[in-house]
Amino acid sequence: MGPDTANPTLPGSDNGGADRLGSIDTRQDAGGVRLRLAGAWTIASAKALEETLAHEIGREETGPVVLDGSAVERLDTAGAWLIEDARRTLETAGRQVRLDGFDPAQAILMAAVEKIGRTELEPPKSPSIPVRLVNTLGVEAVGLVDDGRALLGTLGEFAVSIGAMLVWRRRMRWPAFVNHIDRAGMQAVPIVALMSFLIGMIIAQQGAFYFRTYGAELFVVDLVGVLVCREIGVLLTAIMVAGRSGSAFTAEIGSMKMREEIDALTVLGVSPADVLIVPRLLALVLVLPILTLVADLSALAGSFVIVVYVVGIPPDTYFVRLQ
């Protein structure tokens, strides 16, 4: 049984010349109906054979059926499926079906097709709730371990790069460092100042609204000074820098990873940490305190507007209480 590469076929007893197209001859004998299959039952004539076979087995007849393959010259998987489908259709209708006359090679193919056709795949059983819970916890735990390992690896590369730059100053990428100072620091000043100014106004307005009930509007200045200078200023700065610069850095490095630019740096013998991590982190370390100072001053300016022009506290009193 030697299957072809493109379309596996099984030769019959006669294959010396051109194959005859497949055909079906229906005969009635004492044993029932005999469907004599002849010619080439291959994918080339599968469409016509399917229609003819459906017409023959669709007749209103009873009794056993014999599928005679003694005259089949060539048989491939498509033809075997047609014959197997006809047999299952007849058996579903309550008729006895028998295969006869196929040569040994064709009989092996028919047996394989029949086995596959009658095999019912059982749907996978859904695991129980405890099993799913344990599986989910395990997946999450492995994910956390992998993320922690990746984070430690990144921090280790950063520490090694910083140490190397302290020894060899030329490894520092000064143009990239200055560029990131401008992008993460100077270009972030307007949004940080605006948001902090508005937050300072809101804190002062809400504090004055509630303190007025007790006649303690003067303590609004103390409230704003403590909140802004100790907590709100640095918190707002960190959130805005993480949302603005952090997302931009992530998108840039992710795009470089997708386009294999990081792999190219490694191939060239350049440390990705020196080029991508160190300039960005050092720029953030430098600009974050400056942006925090800008946020504090902007929030205090916003509270000054509310306290002086809405609450009615004199400016000199505001600065005295703020000290």
C-alpha atoms as a PDB file:
ATOM      1  CA  MET A   1       0.000   0.000   0.000  1.00  0.00           C
ATOM      2  CA  GLY A   2       1.937   3.008  -1.266  1.00  0.00           C
ATOM      3  CA  PRO A   3       0.136   6.359  -0.767  1.00  0.00           C
ATOM      4  CA  ASP A   4       0.985   9.244  -3.056  1.00  0.00           C
ATOM      5  CA  THR A   5       2.315  12.419  -1.490  1.00  0.00           C
ATOM      6  CA  ALA A   6      -0.398  14.789  -2.685  1.00  0.00           C
ATOM      7  CA  ASN A   7      -3.430  12.487  -2.644  1.00  0.00           C
ATOM      8  CA  PRO A   8      -3.022   9.035  -1.063  1.00  0.00           C
ATOM      9  CA  THR A   9      -4.632   6.398  -3.300  1.00  0.00           C
ATOM     10  CA  LEU A  10      -4.687   2.642  -3.186  1.00  0.00           C
ATOM     11  CA  PRO A  11      -4.377   0.781  -6.484  1.00  0.00           C
ATOM     12  CA  GLY A  12      -6.681  -2.041  -7.345  1.00  0.00           C
ATOM     13  CA  SER A  13      -6.011  -5.000  -9.536  1.00  0.00           C
ATOM     14  CA  ASP A  14      -5.833  -2.966 -12.765  1.00  0.00           C
ATOM     15  CA  ASN A  15      -3.904   0.262 -12.971  1.00  0.00           C
ATOM     16  CA  GLY A  16      -2.012  -0.132 -16.185  1.00  0.00           C
ATOM     17  CA  GLY A  17      -3.822   2.629 -18.093  1.00  0.00           C
ATOM     18  CA  ALA A  18      -5.931   5.654 -17.350  1.00  0.00           C
ATOM     19  CA  ASP A  19      -8.357   5.239 -14.454  1.00  0.00           C
ATOM     20  CA  ARG A  20     -12.030   5.019 -15.274  1.00  0.00           C
ATOM     21  CA  LEU A  21     -14.284   7.435 -13.452  1.00  0.00           C
ATOM     22  CA  GLY A  22     -16.029   5.998 -10.465  1.00  0.00           C
ATOM     23  CA  SER A  23     -19.486   4.554 -10.987  1.00  0.00           C
ATOM     24  CA  ILE A  24     -22.228   2.657  -9.159  1.00  0.00           C
ATOM     25  CA  ASP A  25     -24.278  -0.210 -10.549  1.00  0.00           C
ATOM     26  CA  THR A  26     -27.287  -1.313  -8.493  1.00  0.00           C
ATOM     27  CA  ARG A  27     -28.355  -4.919  -8.772  1.00  0.00           C
ATOM     28  CA  GLN A  28     -31.037  -6.926  -6.982  1.00  0.00           C
ATOM     29  CA  ASP A  29     -30.227 -10.507  -6.105  1.00  0.00           C
ATOM     30  CA  ALA A  30     -31.374 -13.144  -3.668  1.00  0.00           C
ATOM     31  CA  GLY A  31     -29.188 -11.723  -0.901  1.00  0.00           C
ATOM     32  CA  GLY A  32     -30.649  -8.224  -1.185  1.00  0.00           C
ATOM     33  CA  VAL A  33     -29.382  -5.129  -2.943  1.00  0.00           C
ATOM     34  CA  ARG A  34     -25.831  -5.172  -4.321  1.00  0.00           C
ATOM     35  CA  LEU A  35     -24.195  -1.835  -5.054  1.00  0.00           C
ATOM     36  CA  ARG A  36     -21.317  -2.585  -7.407  1.00  0.00           C
ATOM     37  CA  LEU A  37     -18.678   0.111  -7.092  1.00  0.00           C
ATOM     38  CA  ALA A  38     -16.347   0.477 -10.052  1.00  0.00           C
ATOM     39  CA  GLY A  39     -13.643   2.736 -11.418  1.00  0.00           C
ATOM     40  CA  ALA A  40     -11.567   5.261  -9.519  1.00  0.00           C
ATOM     41  CA  TRP A  41     -13.017   6.359  -6.197  1.00  0.00           C
ATOM     42  CA  THR A  42     -10.757   9.319  -5.628  1.00  0.00           C
ATOM     43  CA  ILE A  43     -11.076  12.950  -4.668  1.00  0.00           C
ATOM     44  CA  ALA A  44     -11.117  13.957  -8.343  1.00  0.00           C
ATOM     45  CA  SER A  45     -14.598  12.483  -8.797  1.00  0.00           C
ATOM     46  CA  ALA A  46     -15.783  12.763  -5.193  1.00  0.00           C
ATOM     47  CA  LYS A  47     -18.492  15.351  -5.888  1.00  0.00           C
ATOM     48  CA  ALA A  48     -20.200  13.340  -8.630  1.00  0.00           C
ATOM     49  CA  LEU A  49     -19.833  10.093  -6.689  1.00  0.00           C
ATOM     50  CA  GLU A  50     -21.359  11.677  -3.588  1.00  0.00           C
ATOM     51  CA  GLU A  51     -24.470  12.747  -5.505  1.00  0.00           C
ATOM     52  CA  THR A  52     -24.831   9.383  -7.261  1.00  0.00           C
ATOM     53  CA  LEU A  53     -24.296   7.430  -4.062  1.00  0.00           C
ATOM     54  CA  ALA A  54     -26.832   9.563  -2.179  1.00  0.00           C
ATOM     55  CA  HIS A  55     -29.386   8.885  -4.941  1.00  0.00           C
ATOM     56  CA  GLU A  56     -28.798   5.125  -4.884  1.00  0.00           C
ATOM     57  CA  ILE A  57     -29.009   4.658  -1.114  1.00  0.00           C
ATOM     58  CA  GLY A  58     -32.011   6.980  -0.894  1.00  0.00           C
ATOM     59  CA  ARG A  59     -34.326   4.603  -2.696  1.00  0.00           C
ATOM     60  CA  GLU A  60     -37.312   3.207  -0.821  1.00  0.00           C
ATOM     61  CA  GLU A  61     -36.015  -0.336  -0.503  1.00  0.00           C
ATOM     62  CA  THR A  62     -35.575  -2.786   2.332  1.00  0.00           C
ATOM     63  CA  GLY A  63     -33.314  -5.708   3.017  1.00  0.00           C
ATOM     64  CA  PRO A  64     -29.580  -6.103   3.383  1.00  0.00           C
ATOM     65  CA  VAL A  65     -27.139  -4.171   1.236  1.00  0.00           C
ATOM     66  CA  VAL A  66     -23.797  -5.338  -0.111  1.00  0.00           C
ATOM     67  CA  LEU A  67     -21.217  -2.740  -1.099  1.00  0.00           C
ATOM     68  CA  ASP A  68     -19.186  -4.604  -3.720  1.00  0.00           C
ATOM     69  CA  GLY A  69     -15.751  -3.137  -4.309  1.00  0.00           C
ATOM     70  CA  SER A  70     -14.347  -5.843  -6.568  1.00  0.00           C
ATOM     71  CA  ALA A  71     -14.286  -3.479  -9.551  1.00  0.00           C
ATOM     72  CA  VAL A  72     -12.773  -0.500  -7.723  1.00  0.00           C
ATOM     73  CA  GLU A  73      -9.547   0.379  -9.505  1.00  0.00           C
ATOM     74  CA  ARG A  74      -8.263   3.125  -7.222  1.00  0.00           C
ATOM     75  CA  LEU A  75      -9.351   4.202  -3.754  1.00  0.00           C
ATOM     76  CA  ASP A  76      -8.166   7.159  -1.700  1.00  0.00           C
ATOM     77  CA  THR A  77      -9.286   8.602   1.620  1.00  0.00           C
ATOM     78  CA  ALA A  78     -12.023  10.726   0.046  1.00  0.00           C
ATOM     79  CA  GLY A  79     -13.557   7.703  -1.678  1.00  0.00           C
ATOM     80  CA  ALA A  80     -13.279   5.601   1.475  1.00  0.00           C
ATOM     81  CA  TRP A  81     -15.106   8.311   3.428  1.00  0.00           C
ATOM     82  CA  LEU A  82     -17.914   8.337   0.862  1.00  0.00           C
ATOM     83  CA  ILE A  83     -18.352   4.581   1.166  1.00  0.00           C
ATOM     84  CA  GLU A  84     -18.200   4.692   4.973  1.00  0.00           C
ATOM     85  CA  ASP A  85     -20.728   7.538   5.079  1.00  0.00           C
ATOM     86  CA  ALA A  86     -23.085   5.536   2.853  1.00  0.00           C
ATOM     87  CA  ARG A  87     -22.752   2.518   5.116  1.00  0.00           C
ATOM     88  CA  ARG A  88     -23.539   4.534   8.243  1.00  0.00           C
ATOM     89  CA  THR A  89     -26.527   6.142   6.531  1.00  0.00           C
ATOM     90  CA  LEU A  90     -27.929   2.739   5.577  1.00  0.00           C
ATOM     91  CA  GLU A  91     -27.318   1.291   9.044  1.00  0.00           C
ATOM     92  CA  THR A  92     -29.065   4.283  10.607  1.00  0.00           C
ATOM     93  CA  ALA A  93     -32.067   3.472   8.394  1.00  0.00           C
ATOM     94  CA  GLY A  94     -32.134  -0.050   9.884  1.00  0.00           C
ATOM     95  CA  ARG A  95     -30.562  -1.974   7.021  1.00  0.00           C
ATOM     96  CA  GLN A  96     -27.772  -4.523   7.251  1.00  0.00           C
ATOM     97  CA  VAL A  97     -24.665  -3.500   5.313  1.00  0.00           C
ATOM     98  CA  ARG A  98     -21.695  -5.641   4.302  1.00  0.00           C
ATOM     99  CA  LEU A  99     -18.514  -4.792   2.439  1.00  0.00           C
ATOM    100  CA  ASP A 100     -17.376  -7.309  -0.149  1.00  0.00           C
ATOM    101  CA  GLY A 101     -14.779  -7.632  -2.853  1.00  0.00           C
ATOM    102  CA  PHE A 102     -12.249  -5.026  -1.726  1.00  0.00           C
ATOM    103  CA  ASP A 103      -8.623  -6.080  -2.088  1.00  0.00           C
ATOM    104  CA  PRO A 104      -6.497  -6.316   1.094  1.00  0.00           C
ATOM    105  CA  ALA A 105      -4.966  -2.851   0.755  1.00  0.00           C
ATOM    106  CA  GLN A 106      -8.344  -1.227   0.214  1.00  0.00           C
ATOM    107  CA  ALA A 107      -9.845  -3.240   3.078  1.00  0.00           C
ATOM    108  CA  ILE A 108      -7.184  -1.863   5.447  1.00  0.00           C
ATOM    109  CA  LEU A 109      -8.035   1.707   4.427  1.00  0.00           C
ATOM    110  CA  MET A 110     -11.766   1.045   4.827  1.00  0.00           C
ATOM    111  CA  ALA A 111     -11.170  -0.432   8.294  1.00  0.00           C
ATOM    112  CA  ALA A 112      -9.145   2.624   9.340  1.00  0.00           C
ATOM    113  CA  VAL A 113     -11.832   5.007   8.082  1.00  0.00           C
ATOM    114  CA  GLU A 114     -14.539   2.983   9.818  1.00  0.00           C
ATOM    115  CA  LYS A 115     -12.624   3.050  13.100  1.00  0.00           C
ATOM    116  CA  ILE A 116     -12.170   6.817  12.954  1.00  0.00           C
ATOM    117  CA  GLY A 117     -15.753   7.395  11.896  1.00  0.00           C
ATOM    118  CA  ARG A 118     -17.185   5.340  14.745  1.00  0.00           C
ATOM    119  CA  THR A 119     -14.939   6.808  17.428  1.00  0.00           C
ATOM    120  CA  GLU A 120     -16.882   9.273  19.537  1.00  0.00           C
ATOM    121  CA  LEU A 121     -14.756  11.888  21.210  1.00  0.00           C
ATOM    122  CA  GLU A 122     -15.842  12.440  24.766  1.00  0.00           C
ATOM    123  CA  PRO A 123     -16.013  16.105  25.755  1.00  0.00           C
ATOM    124  CA  PRO A 124     -13.457  17.017  28.402  1.00  0.00           C
ATOM    125  CA  LYS A 125     -14.850  16.941  31.887  1.00  0.00           C
ATOM    126  CA  SER A 126     -14.993  20.245  33.669  1.00  0.00           C
ATOM    127  CA  PRO A 127     -12.789  20.158  36.773  1.00  0.00           C
ATOM    128  CA  SER A 128     -14.408  20.653  40.138  1.00  0.00           C
ATOM    129  CA  ILE A 129     -14.389  23.997  41.926  1.00  0.00           C
ATOM    130  CA  PRO A 130     -11.603  23.035  44.397  1.00  0.00           C
ATOM    131  CA  VAL A 131      -9.415  21.815  41.536  1.00  0.00           C
ATOM    132  CA  ARG A 132      -9.987  25.015  39.572  1.00  0.00           C
ATOM    133  CA  LEU A 133      -9.255  27.083  42.682  1.00  0.00           C
ATOM    134  CA  VAL A 134      -5.989  25.267  43.343  1.00  0.00           C
ATOM    135  CA  ASN A 135      -5.055  25.547  39.661  1.00  0.00           C
ATOM    136  CA  THR A 136      -5.754  29.288  39.630  1.00  0.00           C
ATOM    137  CA  LEU A 137      -3.748  29.827  42.808  1.00  0.00           C
ATOM    138  CA  GLY A 138      -0.871  27.835  41.370  1.00  0.00           C
ATOM    139  CA  VAL A 139      -0.863  29.778  38.101  1.00  0.00           C
ATOM    140  CA  GLU A 140      -0.974  33.102  39.951  1.00  0.00           C
ATOM    141  CA  ALA A 141       1.803  32.022  42.326  1.00  0.00           C
ATOM    142  CA  VAL A 142       4.034  30.976  39.437  1.00  0.00           C
ATOM    143  CA  GLY A 143       3.274  34.277  37.699  1.00  0.00           C
ATOM    144  CA  LEU A 144       4.233  36.242  40.801  1.00  0.00           C
ATOM    145  CA  VAL A 145       7.482  34.317  41.130  1.00  0.00           C
ATOM    146  CA  ASP A 146       8.318  34.941  37.472  1.00  0.00           C
ATOM    147  CA  ASP A 147       7.507  38.650  37.787  1.00  0.00           C
ATOM    148  CA  GLY A 148       9.625  38.919  40.934  1.00  0.00           C
ATOM    149  CA  ARG A 149      12.508  37.173  39.230  1.00  0.00           C
ATOM    150  CA  ALA A 150      12.255  39.522  36.244  1.00  0.00           C
ATOM    151  CA  LEU A 151      12.137  42.552  38.559  1.00  0.00           C
ATOM    152  CA  LEU A 152      15.180  41.395  40.494  1.00  0.00           C
ATOM    153  CA  GLY A 153      16.998  40.779  37.224  1.00  0.00           C
ATOM    154  CA  THR A 154      16.214  44.297  36.021  1.00  0.00           C
ATOM    155  CA  LEU A 155      17.328  45.837  39.316  1.00  0.00           C
ATOM    156  CA  GLY A 156      20.496  43.761  39.196  1.00  0.00           C
ATOM    157  CA  GLU A 157      21.295  44.961  35.683  1.00  0.00           C
ATOM    158  CA  PHE A 158      20.652  48.538  36.793  1.00  0.00           C
ATOM    159  CA  ALA A 159      22.986  48.178  39.786  1.00  0.00           C
ATOM    160  CA  VAL A 160      25.722  46.618  37.653  1.00  0.00           C
ATOM    161  CA  SER A 161      25.389  49.370  35.045  1.00  0.00           C
ATOM    162  CA  ILE A 162      25.546  52.105  37.693  1.00  0.00           C
ATOM    163  CA  GLY A 163      28.647  50.536  39.203  1.00  0.00           C
ATOM    164  CA  ALA A 164      30.293  50.268  35.805  1.00  0.00           C
ATOM    165  CA  MET A 165      29.492  53.909  35.026  1.00  0.00           C
ATOM    166  CA  LEU A 166      31.093  55.027  38.270  1.00  0.00           C
ATOM    167  CA  VAL A 167      34.287  53.322  37.127  1.00  0.00           C
ATOM    168  CA  TRP A 168      34.085  54.125  33.414  1.00  0.00           C
ATOM    169  CA  ARG A 169      32.410  57.502  33.026  1.00  0.00           C
ATOM    170  CA  ARG A 170      32.256  57.187  29.248  1.00  0.00           C
ATOM    171  CA  ARG A 171      29.587  54.494  29.511  1.00  0.00           C
ATOM    172  CA  MET A 172      27.055  57.107  30.601  1.00  0.00           C
ATOM    173  CA  ARG A 173      24.723  58.121  27.764  1.00  0.00           C
ATOM    174  CA  TRP A 174      24.651  61.855  28.425  1.00  0.00           C
ATOM    175  CA  PRO A 175      22.538  62.872  25.397  1.00  0.00           C
ATOM    176  CA  ALA A 176      19.859  60.337  26.333  1.00  0.00           C
ATOM    177  CA  PHE A 177      20.040  61.426  29.980  1.00  0.00           C
ATOM    178  CA  VAL A 178      19.481  65.098  29.100  1.00  0.00           C
ATOM    179  CA  ASN A 179      16.710  64.181  26.655  1.00  0.00           C
ATOM    180  CA  HIS A 180      14.818  62.227  29.323  1.00  0.00           C
ATOM    181  CA  ILE A 181      15.240  65.070  31.812  1.00  0.00           C
ATOM    182  CA  ASP A 182      13.507  67.331  29.315  1.00  0.00           C
ATOM    183  CA  ARG A 183      10.746  64.857  28.489  1.00  0.00           C
ATOM    184  CA  ALA A 184      10.040  63.580  32.008  1.00  0.00           C
ATOM    185  CA  GLY A 185      10.765  66.843  33.812  1.00  0.00           C
ATOM    186  CA  MET A 186      10.431  70.066  31.845  1.00  0.00           C
ATOM    187  CA  GLN A 187       7.554  68.891  29.674  1.00  0.00           C
ATOM    188  CA  ALA A 188       5.709  67.588  32.747  1.00  0.00           C
ATOM    189  CA  VAL A 189       5.779  70.909  34.615  1.00  0.00           C
ATOM    190  CA  PRO A 190       2.580  72.356  33.056  1.00  0.00           C
ATOM    191  CA  ILE A 191       0.348  69.368  33.802  1.00  0.00           C
ATOM    192  CA  VAL A 192       1.800  68.863  37.294  1.00  0.00           C
ATOM    193  CA  ALA A 193       1.392  72.551  38.134  1.00  0.00           C
ATOM    194  CA  LEU A 194      -2.161  72.723  36.782  1.00  0.00           C
ATOM    195  CA  MET A 195      -3.385  69.608  38.591  1.00  0.00           C
ATOM    196  CA  SER A 196      -1.723  70.614  41.854  1.00  0.00           C
ATOM    197  CA  PHE A 197      -3.161  74.142  41.608  1.00  0.00           C
ATOM    198  CA  LEU A 198      -6.677  72.745  41.218  1.00  0.00           C
ATOM    199  CA  ILE A 199      -6.203  70.221  44.031  1.00  0.00           C
ATOM    200  CA  GLY A 200      -4.989  72.982  46.340  1.00  0.00           C
ATOM    201  CA  MET A 201      -8.083  75.053  45.538  1.00  0.00           C
ATOM    202  CA  ILE A 202     -10.380  72.088  46.218  1.00  0.00           C
ATOM    203  CA  ILE A 203      -8.740  71.256  49.559  1.00  0.00           C
ATOM    204  CA  ALA A 204      -8.981  74.865  50.707  1.00  0.00           C
ATOM    205  CA  GLN A 205     -12.595  75.238  49.575  1.00  0.00           C
ATOM    206  CA  GLN A 206     -13.754  72.016  51.236  1.00  0.00           C
ATOM    207  CA  GLY A 207     -11.845  72.762  54.430  1.00  0.00           C
ATOM    208  CA  ALA A 208     -13.311  76.263  54.641  1.00  0.00           C
ATOM    209  CA  PHE A 209     -16.819  74.912  54.078  1.00  0.00           C
ATOM    210  CA  TYR A 210     -16.641  72.573  57.078  1.00  0.00           C
ATOM    211  CA  PHE A 211     -14.517  74.780  59.372  1.00  0.00           C
ATOM    212  CA  ARG A 212     -16.944  77.664  58.928  1.00  0.00           C
ATOM    213  CA  THR A 213     -19.493  75.733  61.001  1.00  0.00           C
ATOM    214  CA  TYR A 214     -17.198  76.074  64.018  1.00  0.00           C
ATOM    215  CA  GLY A 215     -15.837  79.516  63.164  1.00  0.00           C
ATOM    216  CA  ALA A 216     -12.379  78.081  62.507  1.00  0.00           C
ATOM    217  CA  GLU A 217     -11.771  79.171  58.909  1.00  0.00           C
ATOM    218  CA  LEU A 218      -8.276  80.274  59.894  1.00  0.00           C
ATOM    219  CA  PHE A 219      -7.213  76.656  60.354  1.00  0.00           C
ATOM    220  CA  VAL A 220      -7.752  76.033  56.641  1.00  0.00           C
ATOM    221  CA  VAL A 221      -4.240  77.386  56.098  1.00  0.00           C
ATOM    222  CA  ASP A 222      -2.815  74.825  58.529  1.00  0.00           C
ATOM    223  CA  LEU A 223      -4.789  72.063  56.836  1.00  0.00           C
ATOM    224  CA  VAL A 224      -3.528  72.980  53.383  1.00  0.00           C
ATOM    225  CA  GLY A 225       0.064  73.408  54.528  1.00  0.00           C
ATOM    226  CA  VAL A 226       0.224  70.019  56.249  1.00  0.00           C
ATOM    227  CA  LEU A 227      -1.586  68.084  53.526  1.00  0.00           C
ATOM    228  CA  VAL A 228       0.209  69.623  50.570  1.00  0.00           C
ATOM    229  CA  CYS A 229       3.749  69.789  51.904  1.00  0.00           C
ATOM    230  CA  ARG A 230       3.766  66.435  53.670  1.00  0.00           C
ATOM    231  CA  GLU A 231       1.561  64.142  51.592  1.00  0.00           C
ATOM    232  CA  ILE A 232      -0.519  65.432  48.689  1.00  0.00           C
ATOM    233  CA  GLY A 233       2.285  67.156  46.769  1.00  0.00           C
ATOM    234  CA  VAL A 234       4.634  64.201  46.472  1.00  0.00           C
ATOM    235  CA  LEU A 235       1.732  61.782  45.983  1.00  0.00           C
ATOM    236  CA  LEU A 236       0.258  63.788  43.114  1.00  0.00           C
ATOM    237  CA  THR A 237       3.662  64.103  41.504  1.00  0.00           C
ATOM    238  CA  ALA A 238       4.327  60.383  41.740  1.00  0.00           C
ATOM    239  CA  ILE A 239       0.931  59.506  40.264  1.00  0.00           C
ATOM    240  CA  MET A 240       1.244  61.925  37.358  1.00  0.00           C
ATOM    241  CA  VAL A 241       4.828  60.945  36.568  1.00  0.00           C
ATOM    242  CA  ALA A 242       3.919  57.247  36.695  1.00  0.00           C
ATOM    243  CA  GLY A 243       0.932  57.806  34.437  1.00  0.00           C
ATOM    244  CA  ARG A 244       2.701  60.085  31.995  1.00  0.00           C
ATOM    245  CA  SER A 245       6.391  59.230  31.869  1.00  0.00           C
ATOM    246  CA  GLY A 246       6.049  55.642  33.087  1.00  0.00           C
ATOM    247  CA  SER A 247       3.527  54.695  30.425  1.00  0.00           C
ATOM    248  CA  ALA A 248       5.616  56.454  27.761  1.00  0.00           C
ATOM    249  CA  PHE A 249       8.750  54.552  28.787  1.00  0.00           C
ATOM    250  CA  THR A 250       6.836  51.264  28.791  1.00  0.00           C
ATOM    251  CA  ALA A 251       5.435  51.897  25.311  1.00  0.00           C
ATOM    252  CA  GLU A 252       8.848  52.848  23.924  1.00  0.00           C
ATOM    253  CA  ILE A 253      10.654  49.811  25.313  1.00  0.00           C
ATOM    254  CA  GLY A 254       7.785  47.499  24.333  1.00  0.00           C
ATOM    255  CA  SER A 255       7.891  48.810  20.776  1.00  0.00           C
ATOM    256  CA  MET A 256      11.649  48.321  20.652  1.00  0.00           C
ATOM    257  CA  LYS A 257      11.248  44.773  21.944  1.00  0.00           C
ATOM    258  CA  MET A 258       8.635  44.000  19.297  1.00  0.00           C
ATOM    259  CA  ARG A 259      10.864  45.323  16.506  1.00  0.00           C
ATOM    260  CA  GLU A 260      13.850  43.375  17.908  1.00  0.00           C
ATOM    261  CA  GLU A 261      15.858  46.545  18.495  1.00  0.00           C
ATOM    262  CA  ILE A 262      16.843  45.344  21.976  1.00  0.00           C
ATOM    263  CA  ASP A 263      18.165  42.105  20.466  1.00  0.00           C
ATOM    264  CA  ALA A 264      20.117  44.198  17.976  1.00  0.00           C
ATOM    265  CA  LEU A 265      21.753  46.115  20.833  1.00  0.00           C
ATOM    266  CA  THR A 266      22.783  42.833  22.439  1.00  0.00           C
ATOM    267  CA  VAL A 267      24.219  41.548  19.158  1.00  0.00           C
ATOM    268  CA  LEU A 268      26.235  44.763  18.794  1.00  0.00           C
ATOM    269  CA  GLY A 269      27.699  44.223  22.258  1.00  0.00           C
ATOM    270  CA  VAL A 270      25.841  47.155  23.834  1.00  0.00           C
ATOM    271  CA  SER A 271      24.163  46.631  27.190  1.00  0.00           C
ATOM    272  CA  PRO A 272      20.410  47.377  26.950  1.00  0.00           C
ATOM    273  CA  ALA A 273      20.497  48.484  30.591  1.00  0.00           C
ATOM    274  CA  ASP A 274      23.082  51.177  29.789  1.00  0.00           C
ATOM    275  CA  VAL A 275      21.020  52.524  26.897  1.00  0.00           C
ATOM    276  CA  LEU A 276      17.414  52.035  28.025  1.00  0.00           C
ATOM    277  CA  ILE A 277      17.231  51.753  31.823  1.00  0.00           C
ATOM    278  CA  VAL A 278      19.944  53.872  33.397  1.00  0.00           C
ATOM    279  CA  PRO A 279      19.294  57.189  31.571  1.00  0.00           C
ATOM    280  CA  ARG A 280      15.568  56.998  32.251  1.00  0.00           C
ATOM    281  CA  LEU A 281      15.838  56.079  35.931  1.00  0.00           C
ATOM    282  CA  LEU A 282      18.530  58.642  36.662  1.00  0.00           C
ATOM    283  CA  ALA A 283      16.465  61.308  34.900  1.00  0.00           C
ATOM    284  CA  LEU A 284      13.446  60.424  37.059  1.00  0.00           C
ATOM    285  CA  VAL A 285      15.569  60.479  40.214  1.00  0.00           C
ATOM    286  CA  LEU A 286      16.688  63.997  39.329  1.00  0.00           C
ATOM    287  CA  VAL A 287      13.375  65.501  38.194  1.00  0.00           C
ATOM    288  CA  LEU A 288      11.000  63.988  40.779  1.00  0.00           C
ATOM    289  CA  PRO A 289      12.126  66.243  43.669  1.00  0.00           C
ATOM    290  CA  ILE A 290      11.919  69.269  41.370  1.00  0.00           C
ATOM    291  CA  LEU A 291       8.427  68.314  40.209  1.00  0.00           C
ATOM    292  CA  THR A 292       7.404  67.739  43.828  1.00  0.00           C
ATOM    293  CA  LEU A 293       8.507  71.280  44.682  1.00  0.00           C
ATOM    294  CA  VAL A 294       6.533  72.597  41.695  1.00  0.00           C
ATOM    295  CA  ALA A 295       3.470  70.650  42.842  1.00  0.00           C
ATOM    296  CA  ASP A 296       3.750  71.985  46.410  1.00  0.00           C
ATOM    297  CA  LEU A 297       4.067  75.602  45.276  1.00  0.00           C
ATOM    298  CA  SER A 298       1.205  75.241  42.791  1.00  0.00           C
ATOM    299  CA  ALA A 299      -1.107  73.681  45.377  1.00  0.00           C
ATOM    300  CA  LEU A 300      -0.270  76.415  47.885  1.00  0.00           C
ATOM    301  CA  ALA A 301      -0.967  79.025  45.202  1.00  0.00           C
ATOM    302  CA  GLY A 302      -4.363  77.464  44.545  1.00  0.00           C
ATOM    303  CA  SER A 303      -5.209  77.432  48.232  1.00  0.00           C
ATOM    304  CA  PHE A 304      -4.027  81.049  48.519  1.00  0.00           C
ATOM    305  CA  VAL A 305      -6.594  82.113  45.907  1.00  0.00           C
ATOM    306  CA  ILE A 306      -9.452  80.436  47.787  1.00  0.00           C
ATOM    307  CA  VAL A 307      -8.363  81.485  51.268  1.00  0.00           C
ATOM    308  CA  VAL A 308      -7.779  85.139  50.363  1.00  0.00           C
ATOM    309  CA  TYR A 309     -10.489  85.829  47.793  1.00  0.00           C
ATOM    310  CA  VAL A 310     -13.249  83.446  48.931  1.00  0.00           C
ATOM    311  CA  VAL A 311     -12.781  82.890  52.658  1.00  0.00           C
ATOM    312  CA  GLY A 312     -11.561  86.461  53.219  1.00  0.00           C
ATOM    313  CA  ILE A 313      -8.403  85.816  55.246  1.00  0.00           C
ATOM    314  CA  PRO A 314      -5.740  88.546  54.708  1.00  0.00           C
ATOM    315  CA  PRO A 315      -2.630  87.508  52.754  1.00  0.00           C
ATOM    316  CA  ASP A 316      -0.227  88.341  55.605  1.00  0.00           C
ATOM    317  CA  THR A 317      -2.269  86.154  57.967  1.00  0.00           C
ATOM    318  CA  TYR A 318      -2.133  83.347  55.405  1.00  0.00           C
ATOM    319  CA  PHE A 319       1.669  83.427  55.237  1.00  0.00           C
ATOM    320  CA  VAL A 320       2.015  83.690  59.018  1.00  0.00           C
ATOM    321  CA  ARG A 321      -0.185  80.626  59.560  1.00  0.00           C
ATOM    322  CA  LEU A 322       1.563  78.779  56.759  1.00  0.00           C
ATOM    323  CA  GLN A 323       4.929  79.188  58.494  1.00  0.00           C
END
